């Protein structure tokens, strides 16, 4: 199976997703959040850094639940117009 390359918009959305989840994690360690979400620390690290720009829905849902971030708020936060525009 050939994987279709991601568009720049998809990569940027993955970076926004990672940033939002990292901020929501706040002072909690990656180890604690990953363990509670039932994923590996490496998977969480890759999502937070945008190296996995399209993670599985249930993985994102588990992380969001663990850090107390409602999915509606997460969806709104990763929309392209949700970040401040540079002047």
PDB file of N, CA and C in Angstrom:
ATOM      1  N   UNK A   1       0.836  -1.175   0.000  1.00  0.00           N
ATOM      2  CA  UNK A   1       0.000   0.000   0.000  1.00  0.00           C
ATOM      3  C   UNK A   1       0.884   1.243   0.000  1.00  0.00           C
ATOM      4  N   UNK A   2       0.598   2.147  -0.900  1.00  0.00           N
ATOM      5  CA  UNK A   2       1.370   3.374  -1.009  1.00  0.00           C
ATOM      6  C   UNK A   2       0.681   4.457  -0.192  1.00  0.00           C
ATOM      7  N   UNK A   3       1.451   5.108   0.651  1.00  0.00           N
ATOM      8  CA  UNK A   3       0.906   6.176   1.478  1.00  0.00           C
ATOM      9  C   UNK A   3       1.003   7.487   0.713  1.00  0.00           C
ATOM     10  N   UNK A   4      -0.114   8.201   0.657  1.00  0.00           N
ATOM     11  CA  UNK A   4      -0.164   9.488  -0.018  1.00  0.00           C
ATOM     12  C   UNK A   4       0.541  10.513   0.869  1.00  0.00           C
ATOM     13  N   UNK A   5       1.445  11.306   0.310  1.00  0.00           N
ATOM     14  CA  UNK A   5       2.129  12.324   1.121  1.00  0.00           C
ATOM     15  C   UNK A   5       1.132  13.315   1.718  1.00  0.00           C
ATOM     16  N   UNK A   6       1.447  13.776   2.911  1.00  0.00           N
ATOM     17  CA  UNK A   6       0.589  14.758   3.568  1.00  0.00           C
ATOM     18  C   UNK A   6       0.762  16.122   2.928  1.00  0.00           C
ATOM     19  N   UNK A   7      -0.307  16.871   2.934  1.00  0.00           N
ATOM     20  CA  UNK A   7      -0.237  18.244   2.449  1.00  0.00           C
ATOM     21  C   UNK A   7       0.386  19.119   3.531  1.00  0.00           C
ATOM     22  N   UNK A   8       0.790  20.296   3.162  1.00  0.00           N
ATOM     23  CA  UNK A   8       1.346  21.217   4.169  1.00  0.00           C
ATOM     24  C   UNK A   8       0.295  21.570   5.204  1.00  0.00           C
ATOM     25  N   UNK A   9      -0.961  21.663   4.798  1.00  0.00           N
ATOM     26  CA  UNK A   9      -2.041  21.956   5.746  1.00  0.00           C
ATOM     27  C   UNK A   9      -2.199  20.828   6.762  1.00  0.00           C
ATOM     28  N   UNK A  10      -2.080  19.582   6.308  1.00  0.00           N
ATOM     29  CA  UNK A  10      -2.187  18.439   7.225  1.00  0.00           C
ATOM     30  C   UNK A  10      -1.023  18.417   8.205  1.00  0.00           C
ATOM     31  N   UNK A  11       0.167  18.727   7.724  1.00  0.00           N
ATOM     32  CA  UNK A  11       1.329  18.774   8.619  1.00  0.00           C
ATOM     33  C   UNK A  11       1.177  19.902   9.639  1.00  0.00           C
ATOM     34  N   UNK A  12       0.704  21.060   9.198  1.00  0.00           N
ATOM     35  CA  UNK A  12       0.496  22.191  10.115  1.00  0.00           C
ATOM     36  C   UNK A  12      -0.576  21.868  11.151  1.00  0.00           C
ATOM     37  N   UNK A  13      -1.651  21.187  10.736  1.00  0.00           N
ATOM     38  CA  UNK A  13      -2.699  20.798  11.672  1.00  0.00           C
ATOM     39  C   UNK A  13      -2.128  19.840  12.714  1.00  0.00           C
ATOM     40  N   UNK A  14      -1.257  18.915  12.292  1.00  0.00           N
ATOM     41  CA  UNK A  14      -0.619  18.007  13.235  1.00  0.00           C
ATOM     42  C   UNK A  14       0.260  18.735  14.236  1.00  0.00           C
ATOM     43  N   UNK A  15       0.955  19.765  13.774  1.00  0.00           N
ATOM     44  CA  UNK A  15       1.783  20.568  14.677  1.00  0.00           C
ATOM     45  C   UNK A  15       0.909  21.328  15.673  1.00  0.00           C
ATOM     46  N   UNK A  16      -0.221  21.877  15.204  1.00  0.00           N
ATOM     47  CA  UNK A  16      -1.149  22.577  16.115  1.00  0.00           C
ATOM     48  C   UNK A  16      -1.721  21.603  17.141  1.00  0.00           C
ATOM     49  N   UNK A  17      -2.088  20.404  16.685  1.00  0.00           N
ATOM     50  CA  UNK A  17      -2.613  19.387  17.596  1.00  0.00           C
ATOM     51  C   UNK A  17      -1.593  19.091  18.687  1.00  0.00           C
ATOM     52  N   UNK A  18      -0.362  18.860  18.300  1.00  0.00           N
ATOM     53  CA  UNK A  18       0.686  18.574  19.271  1.00  0.00           C
ATOM     54  C   UNK A  18       0.894  19.699  20.258  1.00  0.00           C
ATOM     55  N   UNK A  19       0.873  20.914  19.768  1.00  0.00           N
ATOM     56  CA  UNK A  19       1.062  22.083  20.627  1.00  0.00           C
ATOM     57  C   UNK A  19      -0.069  22.190  21.648  1.00  0.00           C
ATOM     58  N   UNK A  20      -1.293  22.008  21.201  1.00  0.00           N
ATOM     59  CA  UNK A  20      -2.451  22.105  22.098  1.00  0.00           C
ATOM     60  C   UNK A  20      -2.395  21.013  23.161  1.00  0.00           C
ATOM     61  N   UNK A  21      -2.079  19.798  22.757  1.00  0.00           N
ATOM     62  CA  UNK A  21      -2.002  18.708  23.731  1.00  0.00           C
ATOM     63  C   UNK A  21      -0.858  18.910  24.715  1.00  0.00           C
ATOM     64  N   UNK A  22       0.267  19.412  24.227  1.00  0.00           N
ATOM     65  CA  UNK A  22       1.410  19.676  25.106  1.00  0.00           C
ATOM     66  C   UNK A  22       1.054  20.752  26.132  1.00  0.00           C
ATOM     67  N   UNK A  23       0.390  21.812  25.683  1.00  0.00           N
ATOM     68  CA  UNK A  23      -0.019  22.875  26.604  1.00  0.00           C
ATOM     69  C   UNK A  23      -1.031  22.360  27.618  1.00  0.00           C
ATOM     70  N   UNK A  24      -1.954  21.511  27.174  1.00  0.00           N
ATOM     71  CA  UNK A  24      -2.975  20.970  28.083  1.00  0.00           C
ATOM     72  C   UNK A  24      -2.349  20.029  29.116  1.00  0.00           C
ATOM     73  N   UNK A  25      -1.250  19.386  28.749  1.00  0.00           N
ATOM     74  CA  UNK A  25      -0.553  18.493  29.680  1.00  0.00           C
ATOM     75  C   UNK A  25       0.026  19.294  30.837  1.00  0.00           C
ATOM     76  N   UNK A  26       0.322  20.551  30.583  1.00  0.00           N
ATOM     77  CA  UNK A  26       0.832  21.495  31.585  1.00  0.00           C
ATOM     78  C   UNK A  26       2.018  20.909  32.329  1.00  0.00           C
ATOM     79  N   UNK A  27       1.949  20.838  33.639  1.00  0.00           N
ATOM     80  CA  UNK A  27       3.072  20.388  34.455  1.00  0.00           C
ATOM     81  C   UNK A  27       3.179  18.889  34.613  1.00  0.00           C
ATOM     82  N   UNK A  28       2.255  18.147  34.039  1.00  0.00           N
ATOM     83  CA  UNK A  28       2.307  16.689  34.162  1.00  0.00           C
ATOM     84  C   UNK A  28       3.407  16.121  33.273  1.00  0.00           C
ATOM     85  N   UNK A  29       4.007  15.053  33.718  1.00  0.00           N
ATOM     86  CA  UNK A  29       5.075  14.440  32.922  1.00  0.00           C
ATOM     87  C   UNK A  29       4.483  13.646  31.760  1.00  0.00           C
ATOM     88  N   UNK A  30       5.291  13.513  30.721  1.00  0.00           N
ATOM     89  CA  UNK A  30       4.883  12.695  29.576  1.00  0.00           C
ATOM     90  C   UNK A  30       4.620  11.259  30.013  1.00  0.00           C
ATOM     91  N   UNK A  31       5.431  10.758  30.914  1.00  0.00           N
ATOM     92  CA  UNK A  31       5.284   9.379  31.382  1.00  0.00           C
ATOM     93  C   UNK A  31       3.924   9.186  32.042  1.00  0.00           C
ATOM     94  N   UNK A  32       3.550  10.102  32.937  1.00  0.00           N
ATOM     95  CA  UNK A  32       2.261   9.995  33.624  1.00  0.00           C
ATOM     96  C   UNK A  32       1.092  10.051  32.647  1.00  0.00           C
ATOM     97  N   UNK A  33       1.125  11.006  31.725  1.00  0.00           N
ATOM     98  CA  UNK A  33       0.027  11.169  30.770  1.00  0.00           C
ATOM     99  C   UNK A  33      -0.048   9.972  29.833  1.00  0.00           C
ATOM    100  N   UNK A  34       1.089   9.528  29.320  1.00  0.00           N
ATOM    101  CA  UNK A  34       1.094   8.381  28.416  1.00  0.00           C
ATOM    102  C   UNK A  34       0.565   7.135  29.110  1.00  0.00           C
ATOM    103  N   UNK A  35       1.015   6.890  30.326  1.00  0.00           N
ATOM    104  CA  UNK A  35       0.550   5.710  31.060  1.00  0.00           C
ATOM    105  C   UNK A  35      -0.952   5.766  31.288  1.00  0.00           C
ATOM    106  N   UNK A  36      -1.448   6.902  31.719  1.00  0.00           N
ATOM    107  CA  UNK A  36      -2.883   7.031  31.982  1.00  0.00           C
ATOM    108  C   UNK A  36      -3.698   6.914  30.696  1.00  0.00           C
ATOM    109  N   UNK A  37      -3.159   7.415  29.587  1.00  0.00           N
ATOM    110  CA  UNK A  37      -3.868   7.344  28.306  1.00  0.00           C
ATOM    111  C   UNK A  37      -3.737   5.972  27.640  1.00  0.00           C
ATOM    112  N   UNK A  38      -2.831   5.154  28.151  1.00  0.00           N
ATOM    113  CA  UNK A  38      -2.655   3.817  27.590  1.00  0.00           C
ATOM    114  C   UNK A  38      -1.846   3.781  26.305  1.00  0.00           C
ATOM    115  N   UNK A  39      -0.930   4.726  26.166  1.00  0.00           N
ATOM    116  CA  UNK A  39      -0.066   4.779  24.986  1.00  0.00           C
ATOM    117  C   UNK A  39       1.385   4.842  25.444  1.00  0.00           C
ATOM    118  N   UNK A  40       2.296   4.670  24.499  1.00  0.00           N
ATOM    119  CA  UNK A  40       3.704   4.757  24.859  1.00  0.00           C
ATOM    120  C   UNK A  40       4.137   6.218  24.967  1.00  0.00           C
ATOM    121  N   UNK A  41       5.166   6.436  25.739  1.00  0.00           N
ATOM    122  CA  UNK A  41       5.726   7.783  25.873  1.00  0.00           C
ATOM    123  C   UNK A  41       6.221   8.270  24.513  1.00  0.00           C
ATOM    124  N   UNK A  42       6.808   7.367  23.740  1.00  0.00           N
ATOM    125  CA  UNK A  42       7.315   7.751  22.417  1.00  0.00           C
ATOM    126  C   UNK A  42       6.182   8.201  21.500  1.00  0.00           C
ATOM    127  N   UNK A  43       5.036   7.534  21.563  1.00  0.00           N
ATOM    128  CA  UNK A  43       3.890   7.956  20.751  1.00  0.00           C
ATOM    129  C   UNK A  43       3.435   9.346  21.170  1.00  0.00           C
ATOM    130  N   UNK A  44       3.333   9.588  22.465  1.00  0.00           N
ATOM    131  CA  UNK A  44       2.938  10.918  22.944  1.00  0.00           C
ATOM    132  C   UNK A  44       3.956  11.962  22.490  1.00  0.00           C
ATOM    133  N   UNK A  45       5.233  11.653  22.597  1.00  0.00           N
ATOM    134  CA  UNK A  45       6.287  12.587  22.179  1.00  0.00           C
ATOM    135  C   UNK A  45       6.156  12.915  20.688  1.00  0.00           C
ATOM    136  N   UNK A  46       5.920  11.898  19.874  1.00  0.00           N
ATOM    137  CA  UNK A  46       5.790  12.117  18.434  1.00  0.00           C
ATOM    138  C   UNK A  46       4.552  12.942  18.096  1.00  0.00           C
ATOM    139  N   UNK A  47       3.464  12.716  18.799  1.00  0.00           N
ATOM    140  CA  UNK A  47       2.254  13.508  18.551  1.00  0.00           C
ATOM    141  C   UNK A  47       2.491  14.954  18.964  1.00  0.00           C
ATOM    142  N   UNK A  48       3.066  15.165  20.140  1.00  0.00           N
ATOM    143  CA  UNK A  48       3.301  16.523  20.635  1.00  0.00           C
ATOM    144  C   UNK A  48       4.275  17.307  19.758  1.00  0.00           C
ATOM    145  N   UNK A  49       5.186  16.623  19.098  1.00  0.00           N
ATOM    146  CA  UNK A  49       6.153  17.323  18.250  1.00  0.00           C
ATOM    147  C   UNK A  49       5.720  17.386  16.789  1.00  0.00           C
ATOM    148  N   UNK A  50       4.556  16.812  16.481  1.00  0.00           N
ATOM    149  CA  UNK A  50       4.053  16.855  15.117  1.00  0.00           C
ATOM    150  C   UNK A  50       4.640  15.801  14.209  1.00  0.00           C
ATOM    151  N   UNK A  51       5.417  14.864  14.762  1.00  0.00           N
ATOM    152  CA  UNK A  51       5.997  13.802  13.939  1.00  0.00           C
ATOM    153  C   UNK A  51       4.968  12.749  13.560  1.00  0.00           C
ATOM    154  N   UNK A  52       3.843  12.705  14.285  1.00  0.00           N
ATOM    155  CA  UNK A  52       2.693  11.894  13.892  1.00  0.00           C
ATOM    156  C   UNK A  52       1.554  12.903  13.679  1.00  0.00           C
ATOM    157  N   UNK A  53       1.460  13.474  12.486  1.00  0.00           N
ATOM    158  CA  UNK A  53       0.486  14.537  12.246  1.00  0.00           C
ATOM    159  C   UNK A  53      -0.956  14.059  12.139  1.00  0.00           C
ATOM    160  N   UNK A  54      -1.157  12.758  11.931  1.00  0.00           N
ATOM    161  CA  UNK A  54      -2.519  12.233  11.823  1.00  0.00           C
ATOM    162  C   UNK A  54      -2.681  11.015  12.731  1.00  0.00           C
ATOM    163  N   UNK A  55      -2.622  11.219  14.044  1.00  0.00           N
ATOM    164  CA  UNK A  55      -2.763  10.087  14.960  1.00  0.00           C
ATOM    165  C   UNK A  55      -4.186   9.534  14.928  1.00  0.00           C
ATOM    166  N   UNK A  56      -4.337   8.308  15.378  1.00  0.00           N
ATOM    167  CA  UNK A  56      -5.652   7.671  15.434  1.00  0.00           C
ATOM    168  C   UNK A  56      -6.580   8.453  16.368  1.00  0.00           C
ATOM    169  N   UNK A  57      -7.845   8.487  15.993  1.00  0.00           N
ATOM    170  CA  UNK A  57      -8.836   9.226  16.782  1.00  0.00           C
ATOM    171  C   UNK A  57      -8.838   8.778  18.239  1.00  0.00           C
ATOM    172  N   UNK A  58      -8.867   7.470  18.480  1.00  0.00           N
ATOM    173  CA  UNK A  58      -8.966   6.983  19.849  1.00  0.00           C
ATOM    174  C   UNK A  58      -7.722   7.308  20.663  1.00  0.00           C
ATOM    175  N   UNK A  59      -6.587   7.437  20.021  1.00  0.00           N
ATOM    176  CA  UNK A  59      -5.370   7.859  20.706  1.00  0.00           C
ATOM    177  C   UNK A  59      -5.501   9.309  21.144  1.00  0.00           C
ATOM    178  N   UNK A  60      -5.955  10.159  20.231  1.00  0.00           N
ATOM    179  CA  UNK A  60      -6.154  11.576  20.558  1.00  0.00           C
ATOM    180  C   UNK A  60      -7.206  11.722  21.643  1.00  0.00           C
ATOM    181  N   UNK A  61      -8.293  10.967  21.531  1.00  0.00           N
ATOM    182  CA  UNK A  61      -9.362  11.044  22.528  1.00  0.00           C
ATOM    183  C   UNK A  61      -8.857  10.630  23.903  1.00  0.00           C
ATOM    184  N   UNK A  62      -8.032   9.595  23.961  1.00  0.00           N
ATOM    185  CA  UNK A  62      -7.488   9.138  25.241  1.00  0.00           C
ATOM    186  C   UNK A  62      -6.577  10.187  25.862  1.00  0.00           C
ATOM    187  N   UNK A  63      -5.741  10.813  25.042  1.00  0.00           N
ATOM    188  CA  UNK A  63      -4.853  11.863  25.564  1.00  0.00           C
ATOM    189  C   UNK A  63      -5.686  13.051  26.046  1.00  0.00           C
ATOM    190  N   UNK A  64      -6.629  13.490  25.227  1.00  0.00           N
ATOM    191  CA  UNK A  64      -7.468  14.636  25.588  1.00  0.00           C
ATOM    192  C   UNK A  64      -8.215  14.367  26.892  1.00  0.00           C
ATOM    193  N   UNK A  65      -8.765  13.175  27.042  1.00  0.00           N
ATOM    194  CA  UNK A  65      -9.472  12.817  28.272  1.00  0.00           C
ATOM    195  C   UNK A  65      -8.528  12.845  29.467  1.00  0.00           C
ATOM    196  N   UNK A  66      -7.329  12.331  29.276  1.00  0.00           N
ATOM    197  CA  UNK A  66      -6.343  12.274  30.352  1.00  0.00           C
ATOM    198  C   UNK A  66      -5.941  13.668  30.836  1.00  0.00           C
ATOM    199  N   UNK A  67      -5.828  14.616  29.915  1.00  0.00           N
ATOM    200  CA  UNK A  67      -5.401  15.967  30.306  1.00  0.00           C
ATOM    201  C   UNK A  67      -6.587  16.898  30.557  1.00  0.00           C
ATOM    202  N   UNK A  68      -7.815  16.348  30.479  1.00  0.00           N
ATOM    203  CA  UNK A  68      -9.007  17.143  30.773  1.00  0.00           C
ATOM    204  C   UNK A  68      -9.372  18.138  29.689  1.00  0.00           C
ATOM    205  N   UNK A  69      -9.095  17.802  28.455  1.00  0.00           N
ATOM    206  CA  UNK A  69      -9.378  18.697  27.334  1.00  0.00           C
ATOM    207  C   UNK A  69     -10.566  18.141  26.542  1.00  0.00           C
ATOM    208  N   UNK A  70     -11.719  18.821  26.570  1.00  0.00           N
ATOM    209  CA  UNK A  70     -12.872  18.334  25.809  1.00  0.00           C
ATOM    210  C   UNK A  70     -12.555  18.287  24.313  1.00  0.00           C
ATOM    211  N   UNK A  71     -13.082  17.275  23.629  1.00  0.00           N
ATOM    212  CA  UNK A  71     -12.801  17.112  22.206  1.00  0.00           C
ATOM    213  C   UNK A  71     -13.269  18.307  21.387  1.00  0.00           C
ATOM    214  N   UNK A  72     -14.372  18.934  21.763  1.00  0.00           N
ATOM    215  CA  UNK A  72     -14.823  20.127  21.042  1.00  0.00           C
ATOM    216  C   UNK A  72     -13.796  21.249  21.140  1.00  0.00           C
ATOM    217  N   UNK A  73     -13.240  21.425  22.326  1.00  0.00           N
ATOM    218  CA  UNK A  73     -12.224  22.463  22.515  1.00  0.00           C
ATOM    219  C   UNK A  73     -10.962  22.122  21.727  1.00  0.00           C
ATOM    220  N   UNK A  74     -10.612  20.844  21.699  1.00  0.00           N
ATOM    221  CA  UNK A  74      -9.433  20.418  20.944  1.00  0.00           C
ATOM    222  C   UNK A  74      -9.644  20.658  19.453  1.00  0.00           C
ATOM    223  N   UNK A  75     -10.809  20.294  18.946  1.00  0.00           N
ATOM    224  CA  UNK A  75     -11.108  20.503  17.527  1.00  0.00           C
ATOM    225  C   UNK A  75     -11.022  21.984  17.180  1.00  0.00           C
ATOM    226  N   UNK A  76     -11.618  22.810  18.004  1.00  0.00           N
ATOM    227  CA  UNK A  76     -11.589  24.247  17.745  1.00  0.00           C
ATOM    228  C   UNK A  76     -10.161  24.792  17.786  1.00  0.00           C
ATOM    229  N   UNK A  77      -9.354  24.251  18.682  1.00  0.00           N
ATOM    230  CA  UNK A  77      -7.984  24.745  18.840  1.00  0.00           C
ATOM    231  C   UNK A  77      -7.085  24.397  17.667  1.00  0.00           C
ATOM    232  N   UNK A  78      -7.375  23.333  16.940  1.00  0.00           N
ATOM    233  CA  UNK A  78      -6.494  22.948  15.841  1.00  0.00           C
ATOM    234  C   UNK A  78      -6.954  23.489  14.502  1.00  0.00           C
ATOM    235  N   UNK A  79      -8.050  24.219  14.472  1.00  0.00           N
ATOM    236  CA  UNK A  79      -8.479  24.827  13.222  1.00  0.00           C
ATOM    237  C   UNK A  79      -7.466  25.885  12.810  1.00  0.00           C
ATOM    238  N   UNK A  80      -7.257  26.044  11.506  1.00  0.00           N
ATOM    239  CA  UNK A  80      -6.227  26.962  11.015  1.00  0.00           C
ATOM    240  C   UNK A  80      -6.355  28.390  11.542  1.00  0.00           C
ATOM    241  N   UNK A  81      -7.542  28.875  11.735  1.00  0.00           N
ATOM    242  CA  UNK A  81      -7.717  30.263  12.180  1.00  0.00           C
ATOM    243  C   UNK A  81      -7.657  30.410  13.686  1.00  0.00           C
ATOM    244  N   UNK A  82      -7.299  29.336  14.413  1.00  0.00           N
ATOM    245  CA  UNK A  82      -7.288  29.397  15.857  1.00  0.00           C
ATOM    246  C   UNK A  82      -5.997  29.985  16.435  1.00  0.00           C
ATOM    247  N   UNK A  83      -4.962  30.070  15.622  1.00  0.00           N
ATOM    248  CA  UNK A  83      -3.693  30.613  16.100  1.00  0.00           C
ATOM    249  C   UNK A  83      -3.587  32.098  15.763  1.00  0.00           C
ATOM    250  N   UNK A  84      -2.947  32.844  16.624  1.00  0.00           N
ATOM    251  CA  UNK A  84      -2.752  34.271  16.322  1.00  0.00           C
ATOM    252  C   UNK A  84      -1.942  34.440  15.046  1.00  0.00           C
ATOM    253  N   UNK A  85      -2.310  35.379  14.239  1.00  0.00           N
ATOM    254  CA  UNK A  85      -1.595  35.657  12.999  1.00  0.00           C
ATOM    255  C   UNK A  85      -0.409  36.569  13.259  1.00  0.00           C
ATOM    256  N   UNK A  86       0.700  36.268  12.604  1.00  0.00           N
ATOM    257  CA  UNK A  86       1.900  37.105  12.737  1.00  0.00           C
ATOM    258  C   UNK A  86       1.671  38.428  11.991  1.00  0.00           C
ATOM    259  N   UNK A  87       2.181  39.482  12.544  1.00  0.00           N
ATOM    260  CA  UNK A  87       2.002  40.804  11.919  1.00  0.00           C
ATOM    261  C   UNK A  87       3.078  41.071  10.905  1.00  0.00           C
TER     262      UNK A  87
END
